[in-house]
C-alpha atoms as a PDB file:
ATOM      1  CA  MET A   1      30.312 -28.512  52.220  1.00  0.00           C
ATOM      2  CA  SER A   2      28.344 -26.560  54.842  1.00  0.00           C
ATOM      3  CA  THR A   3      29.472 -24.720  57.940  1.00  0.00           C
ATOM      4  CA  PHE A   4      27.899 -23.154  61.005  1.00  0.00           C
ATOM      5  CA  ILE A   5      30.075 -20.094  60.538  1.00  0.00           C
ATOM      6  CA  THR A   6      28.209 -18.401  57.731  1.00  0.00           C
ATOM      7  CA  PRO A   7      28.923 -14.947  56.318  1.00  0.00           C
ATOM      8  CA  GLU A   8      26.011 -13.689  58.441  1.00  0.00           C
ATOM      9  CA  VAL A   9      27.606 -15.108  61.623  1.00  0.00           C
ATOM     10  CA  LYS A  10      30.926 -13.523  60.686  1.00  0.00           C
ATOM     11  CA  ALA A  11      29.201 -10.182  60.059  1.00  0.00           C
ATOM     12  CA  LYS A  12      27.399 -10.405  63.411  1.00  0.00           C
ATOM     13  CA  ARG A  13      30.710 -11.086  65.194  1.00  0.00           C
ATOM     14  CA  ALA A  14      32.364  -8.138  63.440  1.00  0.00           C
ATOM     15  CA  ALA A  15      29.472  -5.861  64.453  1.00  0.00           C
ATOM     16  CA  ASN A  16      29.697  -7.047  68.078  1.00  0.00           C
ATOM     17  CA  LEU A  17      33.451  -6.436  68.129  1.00  0.00           C
ATOM     18  CA  LYS A  18      32.969  -2.955  66.727  1.00  0.00           C
ATOM     19  CA  LYS A  19      30.246  -2.143  69.270  1.00  0.00           C
ATOM     20  CA  THR A  20      32.444  -3.405  72.126  1.00  0.00           C
ATOM     21  CA  GLU A  21      35.400  -1.328  70.941  1.00  0.00           C
ATOM     22  CA  GLU A  22      33.196   1.783  70.730  1.00  0.00           C
ATOM     23  CA  ARG A  23      31.974   1.184  74.304  1.00  0.00           C
ATOM     24  CA  MET A  24      35.556   0.707  75.537  1.00  0.00           C
ATOM     25  CA  GLU A  25      36.665   3.916  73.814  1.00  0.00           C
ATOM     26  CA  THR A  26      33.797   5.817  75.450  1.00  0.00           C
ATOM     27  CA  LEU A  27      34.753   4.341  78.821  1.00  0.00           C
ATOM     28  CA  ARG A  28      38.410   5.368  78.343  1.00  0.00           C
ATOM     29  CA  LYS A  29      37.390   8.907  77.399  1.00  0.00           C
ATOM     30  CA  ASN A  30      35.132   9.132  80.467  1.00  0.00           C
ATOM     31  CA  GLU A  31      37.939   7.907  82.749  1.00  0.00           C
ATOM     32  CA  VAL A  32      40.356  10.500  81.338  1.00  0.00           C
ATOM     33  CA  SER A  33      37.726  13.267  81.673  1.00  0.00           C
ATOM     34  CA  ARG A  34      37.060  12.261  85.261  1.00  0.00           C
ATOM     35  CA  PHE A  35      40.791  12.413  86.019  1.00  0.00           C
ATOM     36  CA  PHE A  36      40.991  15.955  84.624  1.00  0.00           C
ATOM     37  CA  GLU A  37      37.927  17.073  86.604  1.00  0.00           C
ATOM     38  CA  GLU A  38      38.468  15.260  89.901  1.00  0.00           C
ATOM     39  CA  GLY A  39      41.907  13.659  89.909  1.00  0.00           C
ATOM     40  CA  ILE A  40      44.160  16.610  89.176  1.00  0.00           C
ATOM     41  CA  PRO A  41      42.732  18.856  91.922  1.00  0.00           C
ATOM     42  CA  GLU A  42      42.673  15.960  94.396  1.00  0.00           C
ATOM     43  CA  PHE A  43      46.255  14.862  93.698  1.00  0.00           C
ATOM     44  CA  CYS A  44      47.577  18.419  93.793  1.00  0.00           C
ATOM     45  CA  LYS A  45      46.046  18.858  97.235  1.00  0.00           C
ATOM     46  CA  GLU A  46      47.424  15.529  98.459  1.00  0.00           C
ATOM     47  CA  VAL A  47      50.902  16.237  97.073  1.00  0.00           C
ATOM     48  CA  GLU A  48      50.879  19.648  98.754  1.00  0.00           C
ATOM     49  CA  GLU A  49      49.856  18.157 102.101  1.00  0.00           C
ATOM     50  CA  ALA A  50      52.412  15.338 101.873  1.00  0.00           C
ATOM     51  CA  THR A  51      55.175  17.788 100.895  1.00  0.00           C
ATOM     52  CA  ILE A  52      54.366  20.094 103.806  1.00  0.00           C
ATOM     53  CA  ASP A  53      54.260  17.128 106.222  1.00  0.00           C
ATOM     54  CA  GLU A  54      57.648  15.945 104.947  1.00  0.00           C
ATOM     55  CA  TYR A  55      59.110  19.422 105.320  1.00  0.00           C
ATOM     56  CA  LEU A  56      57.746  19.789 108.853  1.00  0.00           C
ATOM     57  CA  ALA A  57      59.228  16.415 109.812  1.00  0.00           C
ATOM     58  CA  LYS A  58      62.655  16.758 108.163  1.00  0.00           C
ATOM     59  CA  GLY A  59      63.170  20.452 107.506  1.00  0.00           C
ATOM     60  CA  GLU A  60      63.733  20.059 103.772  1.00  0.00           C
ATOM     61  CA  LEU A  61      61.847  19.298 100.597  1.00  0.00           C
ATOM     62  CA  PRO A  62      61.621  15.611  99.762  1.00  0.00           C
ATOM     63  CA  ASP A  63      63.231  13.978  96.741  1.00  0.00           C
ATOM     64  CA  THR A  64      59.982  12.136  96.006  1.00  0.00           C
ATOM     65  CA  ILE A  65      56.415  11.973  97.273  1.00  0.00           C
ATOM     66  CA  CYS A  66      54.159   8.968  96.731  1.00  0.00           C
ATOM     67  CA  VAL A  67      50.400   9.555  96.770  1.00  0.00           C
ATOM     68  CA  TYR A  68      48.056   6.572  96.715  1.00  0.00           C
ATOM     69  CA  ASP A  69      44.834   6.673  94.745  1.00  0.00           C
ATOM     70  CA  TYR A  70      42.278   5.188  97.129  1.00  0.00           C
ATOM     71  CA  ASN A  71      39.436   6.581  94.974  1.00  0.00           C
ATOM     72  CA  ARG A  72      40.693   4.698  91.921  1.00  0.00           C
ATOM     73  CA  LEU A  73      40.843   7.750  89.670  1.00  0.00           C
ATOM     74  CA  ILE A  74      43.926   6.288  87.990  1.00  0.00           C
ATOM     75  CA  THR A  75      42.836   3.646  85.515  1.00  0.00           C
ATOM     76  CA  GLN A  76      44.746   1.993  82.703  1.00  0.00           C
ATOM     77  CA  ALA A  77      43.441   4.671  80.322  1.00  0.00           C
ATOM     78  CA  VAL A  78      44.691   7.437  82.637  1.00  0.00           C
ATOM     79  CA  ALA A  79      48.032   5.733  83.270  1.00  0.00           C
ATOM     80  CA  ASP A  80      48.564   5.376  79.513  1.00  0.00           C
ATOM     81  CA  SER A  81      47.518   8.968  78.773  1.00  0.00           C
ATOM     82  CA  HIS A  82      50.376  11.343  78.073  1.00  0.00           C
ATOM     83  CA  SER A  83      47.960  14.291  78.358  1.00  0.00           C
ATOM     84  CA  CYS A  84      46.898  13.251  81.892  1.00  0.00           C
ATOM     85  CA  ARG A  85      50.504  13.051  83.017  1.00  0.00           C
ATOM     86  CA  GLU A  86      51.434  16.359  81.396  1.00  0.00           C
ATOM     87  CA  ALA A  87      48.381  18.181  82.777  1.00  0.00           C
ATOM     88  CA  LEU A  88      49.058  16.942  86.301  1.00  0.00           C
ATOM     89  CA  LEU A  89      52.746  17.850  86.022  1.00  0.00           C
ATOM     90  CA  GLU A  90      51.944  21.325  84.694  1.00  0.00           C
ATOM     91  CA  ARG A  91      49.467  21.970  87.510  1.00  0.00           C
ATOM     92  CA  LEU A  92      51.891  20.694  90.167  1.00  0.00           C
ATOM     93  CA  LYS A  93      54.734  22.806  88.735  1.00  0.00           C
ATOM     94  CA  SER A  94      52.510  25.880  88.989  1.00  0.00           C
ATOM     95  CA  LEU A  95      52.180  25.133  92.715  1.00  0.00           C
ATOM     96  CA  GLU A  96      55.774  24.026  93.425  1.00  0.00           C
ATOM     97  CA  GLU A  97      58.573  25.007  91.078  1.00  0.00           C
ATOM     98  CA  THR A  98      60.959  22.246  92.204  1.00  0.00           C
ATOM     99  CA  ILE A  99      58.704  19.441  90.913  1.00  0.00           C
ATOM    100  CA  HIS A 100      60.208  18.069  87.735  1.00  0.00           C
ATOM    101  CA  SER A 101      58.264  14.893  86.857  1.00  0.00           C
ATOM    102  CA  VAL A 102      55.411  12.593  87.781  1.00  0.00           C
ATOM    103  CA  GLU A 103      54.890   8.909  87.238  1.00  0.00           C
ATOM    104  CA  PHE A 104      51.680   6.883  87.386  1.00  0.00           C
ATOM    105  CA  ASN A 105      51.824   3.370  88.773  1.00  0.00           C
ATOM    106  CA  TYR A 106      48.839   1.252  87.860  1.00  0.00           C
ATOM    107  CA  THR A 107      48.340  -2.507  88.121  1.00  0.00           C
ATOM    108  CA  GLU A 108      45.336  -4.091  86.478  1.00  0.00           C
ATOM    109  CA  PRO A 109      43.029  -5.440  89.227  1.00  0.00           C
ATOM    110  CA  ASN A 110      43.083  -9.200  89.660  1.00  0.00           C
ATOM    111  CA  PRO A 111      40.116 -10.802  91.462  1.00  0.00           C
ATOM    112  CA  TRP A 112      42.325 -13.645  92.743  1.00  0.00           C
ATOM    113  CA  VAL A 113      45.161 -11.505  94.120  1.00  0.00           C
ATOM    114  CA  ALA A 114      45.245  -8.461  96.379  1.00  0.00           C
ATOM    115  CA  THR A 115      46.105  -5.693  93.924  1.00  0.00           C
ATOM    116  CA  PRO A 116      47.772  -2.566  95.305  1.00  0.00           C
ATOM    117  CA  ASP A 117      46.015   0.758  94.910  1.00  0.00           C
ATOM    118  CA  PRO A 118      47.296   2.841  92.013  1.00  0.00           C
ATOM    119  CA  TYR A 119      49.590   5.680  92.983  1.00  0.00           C
ATOM    120  CA  ILE A 120      51.494   8.681  91.701  1.00  0.00           C
ATOM    121  CA  VAL A 121      55.149   9.359  92.367  1.00  0.00           C
ATOM    122  CA  VAL A 122      56.165  13.022  92.249  1.00  0.00           C
ATOM    123  CA  TYR A 123      59.845  13.814  91.774  1.00  0.00           C
ATOM    124  CA  PHE A 124      61.440  17.008  93.011  1.00  0.00           C
ATOM    125  CA  SER A 125      64.553  18.548  91.482  1.00  0.00           C
ATOM    126  CA  ASP A 126      67.364  20.319  93.358  1.00  0.00           C
ATOM    127  CA  LYS A 127      66.182  21.250  96.794  1.00  0.00           C
ATOM    128  CA  GLN A 128      65.841  24.959  97.311  1.00  0.00           C
ATOM    129  CA  GLU A 129      65.206  26.765 100.560  1.00  0.00           C
END
C-alpha cells in the first residue's frame, strides 16, 4: 500500500511547524520588549494625566482609571505576560502610592468585526488626601 504522506512529508511538516513556532516566540519576545521600552513610560504618563484630570474635575482620587492603547502596544503576548503587568504596576506604584493593581484588557483583532482597542484599568486603593 502506498501513500502520499511519506516519512519525508511528515518530517517536512514537523520542520515547518518548528520554524513557525520559533518565529512566533521571537515575535512574542519582541512585543514584550517593546512594551517594556515604549509601553510602560507611555502608560505611566497617560495614567498620571488621567488621574490629575479626574482630581481636577471631582476633587478626589478616582477608584479606577481606564487608559486605551491606541498605539496597540498591548498584544496577546503582553496581556498574558505576568512580568509586563508587574513591571507596569511597580512603576505606577512608584509614582502614586495609592495604586494597588492593574489589569490588561485585550481582544484578539477580528477582520469581520470592529474590535475595541486594548486598554489598561488601573485600580486605586483607599483614597488619601
